[in-house]
Amino acid sequence: MKRKLKIMNHQIDQLKEEIQGKEQELVRAQSEHEKLKKEAIKKEEAYASQQSEFERLNKQLSEANDERKKQMKQLQQVTKNLKTN
């Protein structure tokens, strides 16, 4: 009977150690999960910022192209007027 009790106590100790190990593993996994979650949020924010910057630069490029076309038309008009005079 004492032997059986001793074996059971040993098994209980082993299970306690196993639980402790799994709890530590869970804490590490949760910590890693939070870290990755924060990293993902930062990357999403950076992406949104870059997307906004891209749209701003694209608009600026479009306006510059429109201005260039306008100036080319003016130049063509001036050169045409110079040829006719």
N, C-alpha and C. Protein backbone atom coordinates (compact mmCIF):
# COMPACT_ATOMS: atom_id res chain seq x y z
N MET A 1 0.82 -1.19 0.00
CA MET A 1 0.00 0.00 0.00
C MET A 1 0.87 1.26 0.00
N LYS A 2 1.94 1.25 0.85
CA LYS A 2 2.84 2.39 0.90
C LYS A 2 3.52 2.60 -0.46
N ARG A 3 3.86 1.48 -1.07
CA ARG A 3 4.52 1.55 -2.38
C ARG A 3 3.59 2.18 -3.40
N LYS A 4 2.34 1.79 -3.38
CA LYS A 4 1.36 2.33 -4.31
C LYS A 4 1.19 3.83 -4.09
N LEU A 5 1.15 4.24 -2.85
CA LEU A 5 1.01 5.66 -2.50
C LEU A 5 2.24 6.44 -2.97
N LYS A 6 3.40 5.84 -2.80
CA LYS A 6 4.65 6.48 -3.23
C LYS A 6 4.65 6.66 -4.75
N ILE A 7 4.22 5.64 -5.47
CA ILE A 7 4.14 5.70 -6.94
C ILE A 7 3.16 6.79 -7.37
N MET A 8 2.01 6.85 -6.71
CA MET A 8 1.00 7.86 -7.05
C MET A 8 1.53 9.27 -6.78
N ASN A 9 2.23 9.45 -5.66
CA ASN A 9 2.81 10.76 -5.36
C ASN A 9 3.84 11.15 -6.41
N HIS A 10 4.62 10.18 -6.84
CA HIS A 10 5.61 10.44 -7.88
C HIS A 10 4.91 10.85 -9.19
N GLN A 11 3.85 10.14 -9.54
CA GLN A 11 3.09 10.47 -10.75
C GLN A 11 2.48 11.87 -10.64
N ILE A 12 1.98 12.20 -9.46
CA ILE A 12 1.41 13.54 -9.23
C ILE A 12 2.48 14.60 -9.43
N ASP A 13 3.66 14.37 -8.88
CA ASP A 13 4.77 15.31 -9.05
C ASP A 13 5.14 15.48 -10.52
N GLN A 14 5.17 14.36 -11.25
CA GLN A 14 5.48 14.42 -12.67
C GLN A 14 4.43 15.23 -13.43
N LEU A 15 3.16 14.99 -13.09
CA LEU A 15 2.08 15.72 -13.75
C LEU A 15 2.15 17.21 -13.42
N LYS A 16 2.49 17.55 -12.18
CA LYS A 16 2.64 18.95 -11.79
C LYS A 16 3.75 19.62 -12.61
N GLU A 17 4.87 18.91 -12.77
CA GLU A 17 5.98 19.44 -13.56
C GLU A 17 5.56 19.62 -15.02
N GLU A 18 4.82 18.65 -15.53
CA GLU A 18 4.34 18.72 -16.90
C GLU A 18 3.42 19.92 -17.08
N ILE A 19 2.53 20.13 -16.12
CA ILE A 19 1.61 21.27 -16.17
C ILE A 19 2.39 22.58 -16.13
N GLN A 20 3.38 22.66 -15.25
CA GLN A 20 4.20 23.86 -15.15
C GLN A 20 4.89 24.15 -16.48
N GLY A 21 5.45 23.12 -17.07
CA GLY A 21 6.13 23.27 -18.37
C GLY A 21 5.18 23.76 -19.44
N LYS A 22 3.98 23.18 -19.46
CA LYS A 22 2.99 23.58 -20.47
C LYS A 22 2.50 25.01 -20.22
N GLU A 23 2.37 25.40 -18.95
CA GLU A 23 1.96 26.76 -18.63
C GLU A 23 3.02 27.76 -19.09
N GLN A 24 4.30 27.41 -18.87
CA GLN A 24 5.38 28.29 -19.32
C GLN A 24 5.39 28.38 -20.84
N GLU A 25 5.17 27.27 -21.49
CA GLU A 25 5.11 27.24 -22.95
C GLU A 25 3.95 28.10 -23.45
N LEU A 26 2.83 28.01 -22.77
CA LEU A 26 1.66 28.81 -23.13
C LEU A 26 1.95 30.30 -22.98
N VAL A 27 2.59 30.68 -21.88
CA VAL A 27 2.94 32.08 -21.65
C VAL A 27 3.87 32.58 -22.76
N ARG A 28 4.86 31.76 -23.12
CA ARG A 28 5.79 32.14 -24.20
C ARG A 28 5.03 32.29 -25.52
N ALA A 29 4.14 31.36 -25.80
CA ALA A 29 3.37 31.41 -27.04
C ALA A 29 2.47 32.64 -27.07
N GLN A 30 1.85 32.96 -25.94
CA GLN A 30 0.99 34.14 -25.89
C GLN A 30 1.82 35.41 -26.08
N SER A 31 2.99 35.44 -25.48
CA SER A 31 3.88 36.59 -25.62
C SER A 31 4.31 36.75 -27.08
N GLU A 32 4.67 35.66 -27.71
CA GLU A 32 5.07 35.69 -29.12
C GLU A 32 3.90 36.13 -29.99
N HIS A 33 2.72 35.65 -29.66
CA HIS A 33 1.52 36.02 -30.41
C HIS A 33 1.27 37.53 -30.32
N GLU A 34 1.38 38.08 -29.12
CA GLU A 34 1.20 39.53 -28.93
C GLU A 34 2.25 40.32 -29.70
N LYS A 35 3.48 39.83 -29.66
CA LYS A 35 4.57 40.49 -30.38
C LYS A 35 4.28 40.51 -31.88
N LEU A 36 3.86 39.37 -32.41
CA LEU A 36 3.55 39.27 -33.84
C LEU A 36 2.34 40.12 -34.21
N LYS A 37 1.38 40.18 -33.29
CA LYS A 37 0.18 40.99 -33.52
C LYS A 37 0.56 42.47 -33.64
N LYS A 38 1.42 42.94 -32.71
CA LYS A 38 1.87 44.33 -32.75
C LYS A 38 2.67 44.60 -34.02
N GLU A 39 3.49 43.66 -34.39
CA GLU A 39 4.29 43.80 -35.61
C GLU A 39 3.38 43.89 -36.84
N ALA A 40 2.35 43.08 -36.87
CA ALA A 40 1.40 43.10 -37.99
C ALA A 40 0.69 44.45 -38.06
N ILE A 41 0.31 44.99 -36.91
CA ILE A 41 -0.36 46.29 -36.88
C ILE A 41 0.57 47.37 -37.40
N LYS A 42 1.84 47.33 -36.98
CA LYS A 42 2.82 48.31 -37.46
C LYS A 42 2.98 48.22 -38.98
N LYS A 43 3.02 47.00 -39.48
CA LYS A 43 3.18 46.81 -40.92
C LYS A 43 1.95 47.29 -41.68
N GLU A 44 0.78 47.06 -41.13
CA GLU A 44 -0.45 47.55 -41.76
C GLU A 44 -0.45 49.08 -41.79
N GLU A 45 -0.01 49.70 -40.70
CA GLU A 45 0.05 51.16 -40.65
C GLU A 45 1.07 51.69 -41.65
N ALA A 46 2.22 51.02 -41.75
CA ALA A 46 3.24 51.43 -42.72
C ALA A 46 2.72 51.28 -44.14
N TYR A 47 1.99 50.19 -44.40
CA TYR A 47 1.42 49.98 -45.72
C TYR A 47 0.43 51.09 -46.06
N ALA A 48 -0.43 51.43 -45.12
CA ALA A 48 -1.43 52.48 -45.35
C ALA A 48 -0.73 53.81 -45.62
N SER A 49 0.32 54.08 -44.88
CA SER A 49 1.08 55.31 -45.07
C SER A 49 1.73 55.33 -46.46
N GLN A 50 2.32 54.23 -46.85
CA GLN A 50 2.95 54.15 -48.17
C GLN A 50 1.92 54.24 -49.28
N GLN A 51 0.77 53.65 -49.07
CA GLN A 51 -0.30 53.73 -50.06
C GLN A 51 -0.75 55.17 -50.24
N SER A 52 -0.89 55.88 -49.14
CA SER A 52 -1.28 57.29 -49.17
C SER A 52 -0.21 58.11 -49.89
N GLU A 53 1.04 57.86 -49.58
CA GLU A 53 2.15 58.57 -50.22
C GLU A 53 2.18 58.26 -51.72
N PHE A 54 1.95 57.02 -52.09
CA PHE A 54 1.90 56.63 -53.49
C PHE A 54 0.81 57.39 -54.23
N GLU A 55 -0.38 57.46 -53.63
CA GLU A 55 -1.49 58.17 -54.26
C GLU A 55 -1.19 59.65 -54.41
N ARG A 56 -0.55 60.24 -53.38
CA ARG A 56 -0.19 61.65 -53.44
C ARG A 56 0.82 61.90 -54.57
N LEU A 57 1.83 61.04 -54.65
CA LEU A 57 2.85 61.20 -55.69
C LEU A 57 2.26 60.94 -57.08
N ASN A 58 1.36 60.00 -57.16
CA ASN A 58 0.71 59.70 -58.44
C ASN A 58 -0.10 60.91 -58.92
N LYS A 59 -0.80 61.54 -57.99
CA LYS A 59 -1.58 62.74 -58.33
C LYS A 59 -0.64 63.86 -58.78
N GLN A 60 0.46 64.02 -58.06
CA GLN A 60 1.44 65.05 -58.39
C GLN A 60 2.03 64.78 -59.78
N LEU A 61 2.31 63.54 -60.09
CA LEU A 61 2.83 63.17 -61.40
C LEU A 61 1.82 63.47 -62.49
N SER A 62 0.57 63.14 -62.24
CA SER A 62 -0.49 63.40 -63.20
C SER A 62 -0.62 64.90 -63.47
N GLU A 63 -0.56 65.70 -62.41
CA GLU A 63 -0.64 67.15 -62.57
C GLU A 63 0.55 67.67 -63.35
N ALA A 64 1.74 67.13 -63.10
CA ALA A 64 2.94 67.55 -63.82
C ALA A 64 2.83 67.18 -65.30
N ASN A 65 2.28 66.00 -65.59
CA ASN A 65 2.08 65.60 -66.99
C ASN A 65 1.08 66.51 -67.68
N ASP A 66 0.00 66.86 -66.99
CA ASP A 66 -0.99 67.78 -67.56
C ASP A 66 -0.35 69.14 -67.85
N GLU A 67 0.46 69.62 -66.92
CA GLU A 67 1.14 70.90 -67.10
C GLU A 67 2.11 70.83 -68.28
N ARG A 68 2.82 69.73 -68.40
CA ARG A 68 3.76 69.55 -69.52
C ARG A 68 3.02 69.56 -70.85
N LYS A 69 1.88 68.87 -70.92
CA LYS A 69 1.08 68.86 -72.15
C LYS A 69 0.60 70.26 -72.50
N LYS A 70 0.17 70.99 -71.49
CA LYS A 70 -0.30 72.36 -71.69
C LYS A 70 0.83 73.23 -72.24
N GLN A 71 2.01 73.10 -71.65
CA GLN A 71 3.15 73.89 -72.09
C GLN A 71 3.59 73.49 -73.50
N MET A 72 3.50 72.20 -73.82
CA MET A 72 3.84 71.74 -75.18
C MET A 72 2.89 72.35 -76.20
N LYS A 73 1.60 72.41 -75.87
CA LYS A 73 0.63 73.03 -76.78
C LYS A 73 0.94 74.51 -76.97
N GLN A 74 1.29 75.18 -75.86
CA GLN A 74 1.64 76.60 -75.95
C GLN A 74 2.88 76.79 -76.81
N LEU A 75 3.87 75.91 -76.64
CA LEU A 75 5.10 75.99 -77.43
C LEU A 75 4.80 75.77 -78.90
N GLN A 76 3.97 74.79 -79.19
CA GLN A 76 3.60 74.52 -80.58
C GLN A 76 2.87 75.71 -81.19
N GLN A 77 2.02 76.33 -80.40
CA GLN A 77 1.27 77.50 -80.87
C GLN A 77 2.24 78.65 -81.16
N VAL A 78 3.19 78.87 -80.27
CA VAL A 78 4.17 79.95 -80.45
C VAL A 78 5.03 79.69 -81.68
N THR A 79 5.51 78.46 -81.84
CA THR A 79 6.35 78.15 -83.01
C THR A 79 5.54 78.24 -84.30
N LYS A 80 4.28 77.89 -84.24
CA LYS A 80 3.40 77.99 -85.41
C LYS A 80 3.20 79.47 -85.78
N ASN A 81 2.99 80.31 -84.77
CA ASN A 81 2.81 81.74 -85.00
C ASN A 81 4.09 82.37 -85.55
N LEU A 82 5.24 81.92 -85.08
CA LEU A 82 6.52 82.46 -85.56
C LEU A 82 6.75 82.09 -87.02
N LYS A 83 6.33 80.90 -87.42
CA LYS A 83 6.51 80.45 -88.80
C LYS A 83 5.60 81.22 -89.75
N THR A 84 4.41 81.57 -89.30
CA THR A 84 3.47 82.27 -90.17
C THR A 84 3.80 83.76 -90.27
N ASN A 85 4.55 84.31 -89.36
CA ASN A 85 4.89 85.75 -89.41
C ASN A 85 6.16 85.93 -90.13
